[in-house]
Amino acid sequence: MIYGAVLIVHVLLALFMIVIILLQGGRGGLGETMGGAAAQSLFGGGANIVMTKVTAVFAALFMVTSLSLAFLSAQRGGSVMDKLPAAAESALPLTLPGTDLPPATAPAQAPVTPPAAQ
């Protein structure tokens, strides 16, 4: 229950951080192409200071949710790979379905000969 709630908050924080970072005015980077000047006109001249602080707060919250998810997943138990059924080697097909061809083998090494001088 709490794992799902933290996961939802984590994803929302990630999406919000993407938007905030793309809206920030930079030094002629992606922020201006994606509407950085629009963010300045929308939020005022001091938008960079406010947006930098908001980014820092959301980055800190993102780290907290990351650590919380790591702790909660460790409490839940093993890895996802441990829950998969083990595949026996004999269960793998040795030939392609619908063909009678034997499995492919590694090609023999061809002798390396220098090119003939002309």
C-alpha atoms as a PDB file:
ATOM      1  CA  MET A   1       0.000   0.000   0.000  1.00  0.00           C
ATOM      2  CA  ILE A   2       2.620   2.531   1.079  1.00  0.00           C
ATOM      3  CA  TYR A   3       4.993   1.307  -1.630  1.00  0.00           C
ATOM      4  CA  GLY A   4       2.448   2.174  -4.327  1.00  0.00           C
ATOM      5  CA  ALA A   5       1.791   5.618  -2.844  1.00  0.00           C
ATOM      6  CA  VAL A   6       5.505   6.426  -2.669  1.00  0.00           C
ATOM      7  CA  LEU A   7       5.943   5.157  -6.219  1.00  0.00           C
ATOM      8  CA  ILE A   8       3.151   7.414  -7.507  1.00  0.00           C
ATOM      9  CA  VAL A   9       4.638  10.433  -5.707  1.00  0.00           C
ATOM     10  CA  HIS A  10       8.068   9.538  -7.123  1.00  0.00           C
ATOM     11  CA  VAL A  11       6.779   9.432 -10.715  1.00  0.00           C
ATOM     12  CA  LEU A  12       4.886  12.706 -10.284  1.00  0.00           C
ATOM     13  CA  LEU A  13       7.994  14.374  -8.860  1.00  0.00           C
ATOM     14  CA  ALA A  14      10.035  13.128 -11.813  1.00  0.00           C
ATOM     15  CA  LEU A  15       7.549  14.498 -14.342  1.00  0.00           C
ATOM     16  CA  PHE A  16       7.262  17.817 -12.530  1.00  0.00           C
ATOM     17  CA  MET A  17      11.061  18.155 -12.375  1.00  0.00           C
ATOM     18  CA  ILE A  18      11.304  17.540 -16.120  1.00  0.00           C
ATOM     19  CA  VAL A  19       8.833  20.347 -16.788  1.00  0.00           C
ATOM     20  CA  ILE A  20      10.474  22.765 -14.348  1.00  0.00           C
ATOM     21  CA  ILE A  21      13.974  22.112 -15.668  1.00  0.00           C
ATOM     22  CA  LEU A  22      12.871  22.585 -19.266  1.00  0.00           C
ATOM     23  CA  LEU A  23      11.147  25.858 -18.402  1.00  0.00           C
ATOM     24  CA  GLN A  24      14.210  27.357 -16.733  1.00  0.00           C
ATOM     25  CA  GLY A  25      16.061  29.992 -18.668  1.00  0.00           C
ATOM     26  CA  GLY A  26      19.580  28.939 -19.376  1.00  0.00           C
ATOM     27  CA  ARG A  27      22.510  30.191 -21.338  1.00  0.00           C
ATOM     28  CA  GLY A  28      20.894  29.791 -24.721  1.00  0.00           C
ATOM     29  CA  GLY A  29      20.160  26.094 -24.308  1.00  0.00           C
ATOM     30  CA  LEU A  30      17.044  23.979 -24.525  1.00  0.00           C
ATOM     31  CA  GLY A  31      15.181  26.172 -22.025  1.00  0.00           C
ATOM     32  CA  GLU A  32      14.861  29.015 -24.498  1.00  0.00           C
ATOM     33  CA  THR A  33      13.787  26.800 -27.346  1.00  0.00           C
ATOM     34  CA  MET A  34      11.140  25.110 -25.235  1.00  0.00           C
ATOM     35  CA  GLY A  35       9.675  28.337 -23.898  1.00  0.00           C
ATOM     36  CA  GLY A  36      12.144  29.682 -21.348  1.00  0.00           C
ATOM     37  CA  ALA A  37      11.283  33.243 -22.293  1.00  0.00           C
ATOM     38  CA  ALA A  38       7.609  32.418 -21.837  1.00  0.00           C
ATOM     39  CA  ALA A  39       8.364  31.296 -18.280  1.00  0.00           C
ATOM     40  CA  GLN A  40      10.035  34.644 -17.581  1.00  0.00           C
ATOM     41  CA  SER A  41       7.090  36.582 -18.894  1.00  0.00           C
ATOM     42  CA  LEU A  42       4.642  34.302 -17.094  1.00  0.00           C
ATOM     43  CA  PHE A  43       6.342  34.253 -13.694  1.00  0.00           C
ATOM     44  CA  GLY A  44       8.098  37.614 -13.809  1.00  0.00           C
ATOM     45  CA  GLY A  45      11.720  38.719 -13.997  1.00  0.00           C
ATOM     46  CA  GLY A  46      12.822  36.851 -10.862  1.00  0.00           C
ATOM     47  CA  ALA A  47      11.513  33.546 -12.143  1.00  0.00           C
ATOM     48  CA  ASN A  48      14.981  32.018 -12.377  1.00  0.00           C
ATOM     49  CA  ILE A  49      15.596  32.411  -8.652  1.00  0.00           C
ATOM     50  CA  VAL A  50      12.218  30.957  -7.732  1.00  0.00           C
ATOM     51  CA  MET A  51      12.465  28.125 -10.261  1.00  0.00           C
ATOM     52  CA  THR A  52      15.968  27.251  -9.060  1.00  0.00           C
ATOM     53  CA  LYS A  53      14.713  26.954  -5.491  1.00  0.00           C
ATOM     54  CA  VAL A  54      11.684  24.927  -6.571  1.00  0.00           C
ATOM     55  CA  THR A  55      13.986  22.616  -8.545  1.00  0.00           C
ATOM     56  CA  ALA A  56      16.222  22.149  -5.496  1.00  0.00           C
ATOM     57  CA  VAL A  57      13.237  21.318  -3.264  1.00  0.00           C
ATOM     58  CA  PHE A  58      11.794  18.839  -5.735  1.00  0.00           C
ATOM     59  CA  ALA A  59      15.223  17.274  -6.308  1.00  0.00           C
ATOM     60  CA  ALA A  60      15.551  16.736  -2.555  1.00  0.00           C
ATOM     61  CA  LEU A  61      12.065  15.197  -2.410  1.00  0.00           C
ATOM     62  CA  PHE A  62      12.964  13.005  -5.385  1.00  0.00           C
ATOM     63  CA  MET A  63      16.029  11.719  -3.535  1.00  0.00           C
ATOM     64  CA  VAL A  64      13.937  11.025  -0.418  1.00  0.00           C
ATOM     65  CA  THR A  65      11.394   9.043  -2.423  1.00  0.00           C
ATOM     66  CA  SER A  66      14.220   7.182  -4.209  1.00  0.00           C
ATOM     67  CA  LEU A  67      15.743   6.120  -0.906  1.00  0.00           C
ATOM     68  CA  SER A  68      12.302   5.273   0.475  1.00  0.00           C
ATOM     69  CA  LEU A  69      11.550   3.066  -2.520  1.00  0.00           C
ATOM     70  CA  ALA A  70      14.898   1.310  -2.122  1.00  0.00           C
ATOM     71  CA  PHE A  71      14.213   0.682   1.563  1.00  0.00           C
ATOM     72  CA  LEU A  72      10.641  -0.481   0.966  1.00  0.00           C
ATOM     73  CA  SER A  73      11.620  -2.809  -1.869  1.00  0.00           C
ATOM     74  CA  ALA A  74      14.291  -4.363   0.351  1.00  0.00           C
ATOM     75  CA  GLN A  75      11.635  -4.934   3.015  1.00  0.00           C
ATOM     76  CA  ARG A  76       9.321  -6.602   0.483  1.00  0.00           C
ATOM     77  CA  GLY A  77      11.840  -9.336  -0.210  1.00  0.00           C
ATOM     78  CA  GLY A  78      13.966 -10.723  -3.025  1.00  0.00           C
ATOM     79  CA  SER A  79      14.593  -9.657  -6.537  1.00  0.00           C
ATOM     80  CA  VAL A  80      12.195  -9.868  -9.447  1.00  0.00           C
ATOM     81  CA  MET A  81      14.635 -12.281 -11.053  1.00  0.00           C
ATOM     82  CA  ASP A  82      14.258 -14.638  -8.085  1.00  0.00           C
ATOM     83  CA  LYS A  83      10.516 -14.885  -8.741  1.00  0.00           C
ATOM     84  CA  LEU A  84      10.935 -16.043 -12.368  1.00  0.00           C
ATOM     85  CA  PRO A  85      10.762 -19.781 -12.999  1.00  0.00           C
ATOM     86  CA  ALA A  86      14.112 -21.350 -13.789  1.00  0.00           C
ATOM     87  CA  ALA A  87      14.408 -22.324 -17.454  1.00  0.00           C
ATOM     88  CA  ALA A  88      15.994 -25.705 -18.015  1.00  0.00           C
ATOM     89  CA  GLU A  89      18.508 -25.919 -20.829  1.00  0.00           C
ATOM     90  CA  SER A  90      16.640 -28.843 -22.335  1.00  0.00           C
ATOM     91  CA  ALA A  91      13.537 -26.671 -22.640  1.00  0.00           C
ATOM     92  CA  LEU A  92      15.228 -24.445 -25.219  1.00  0.00           C
ATOM     93  CA  PRO A  93      14.515 -25.446 -28.828  1.00  0.00           C
ATOM     94  CA  LEU A  94      17.524 -26.743 -30.694  1.00  0.00           C
ATOM     95  CA  THR A  95      15.995 -26.086 -34.116  1.00  0.00           C
ATOM     96  CA  LEU A  96      13.716 -23.453 -35.487  1.00  0.00           C
ATOM     97  CA  PRO A  97      10.047 -24.444 -35.507  1.00  0.00           C
ATOM     98  CA  GLY A  98       8.922 -25.708 -38.904  1.00  0.00           C
ATOM     99  CA  THR A  99      12.422 -26.546 -40.132  1.00  0.00           C
ATOM    100  CA  ASP A 100      14.521 -29.665 -39.992  1.00  0.00           C
ATOM    101  CA  LEU A 101      17.814 -27.770 -39.975  1.00  0.00           C
ATOM    102  CA  PRO A 102      20.295 -28.623 -37.239  1.00  0.00           C
ATOM    103  CA  PRO A 103      21.421 -25.861 -34.888  1.00  0.00           C
ATOM    104  CA  ALA A 104      23.990 -23.459 -36.250  1.00  0.00           C
ATOM    105  CA  THR A 105      27.624 -24.030 -35.423  1.00  0.00           C
ATOM    106  CA  ALA A 106      30.462 -21.571 -35.359  1.00  0.00           C
ATOM    107  CA  PRO A 107      32.081 -21.144 -38.787  1.00  0.00           C
ATOM    108  CA  ALA A 108      35.589 -22.475 -39.227  1.00  0.00           C
ATOM    109  CA  GLN A 109      38.319 -19.874 -39.316  1.00  0.00           C
ATOM    110  CA  ALA A 110      39.403 -19.181 -42.861  1.00  0.00           C
ATOM    111  CA  PRO A 111      43.161 -18.925 -43.339  1.00  0.00           C
ATOM    112  CA  VAL A 112      44.315 -15.356 -43.629  1.00  0.00           C
ATOM    113  CA  THR A 113      46.269 -14.790 -46.821  1.00  0.00           C
ATOM    114  CA  PRO A 114      47.817 -11.489 -47.761  1.00  0.00           C
ATOM    115  CA  PRO A 115      46.448  -9.851 -50.910  1.00  0.00           C
ATOM    116  CA  ALA A 116      48.405 -10.652 -54.033  1.00  0.00           C
ATOM    117  CA  ALA A 117      50.688  -7.882 -55.240  1.00  0.00           C
ATOM    118  CA  GLN A 118      49.877  -6.656 -58.722  1.00  0.00           C
END
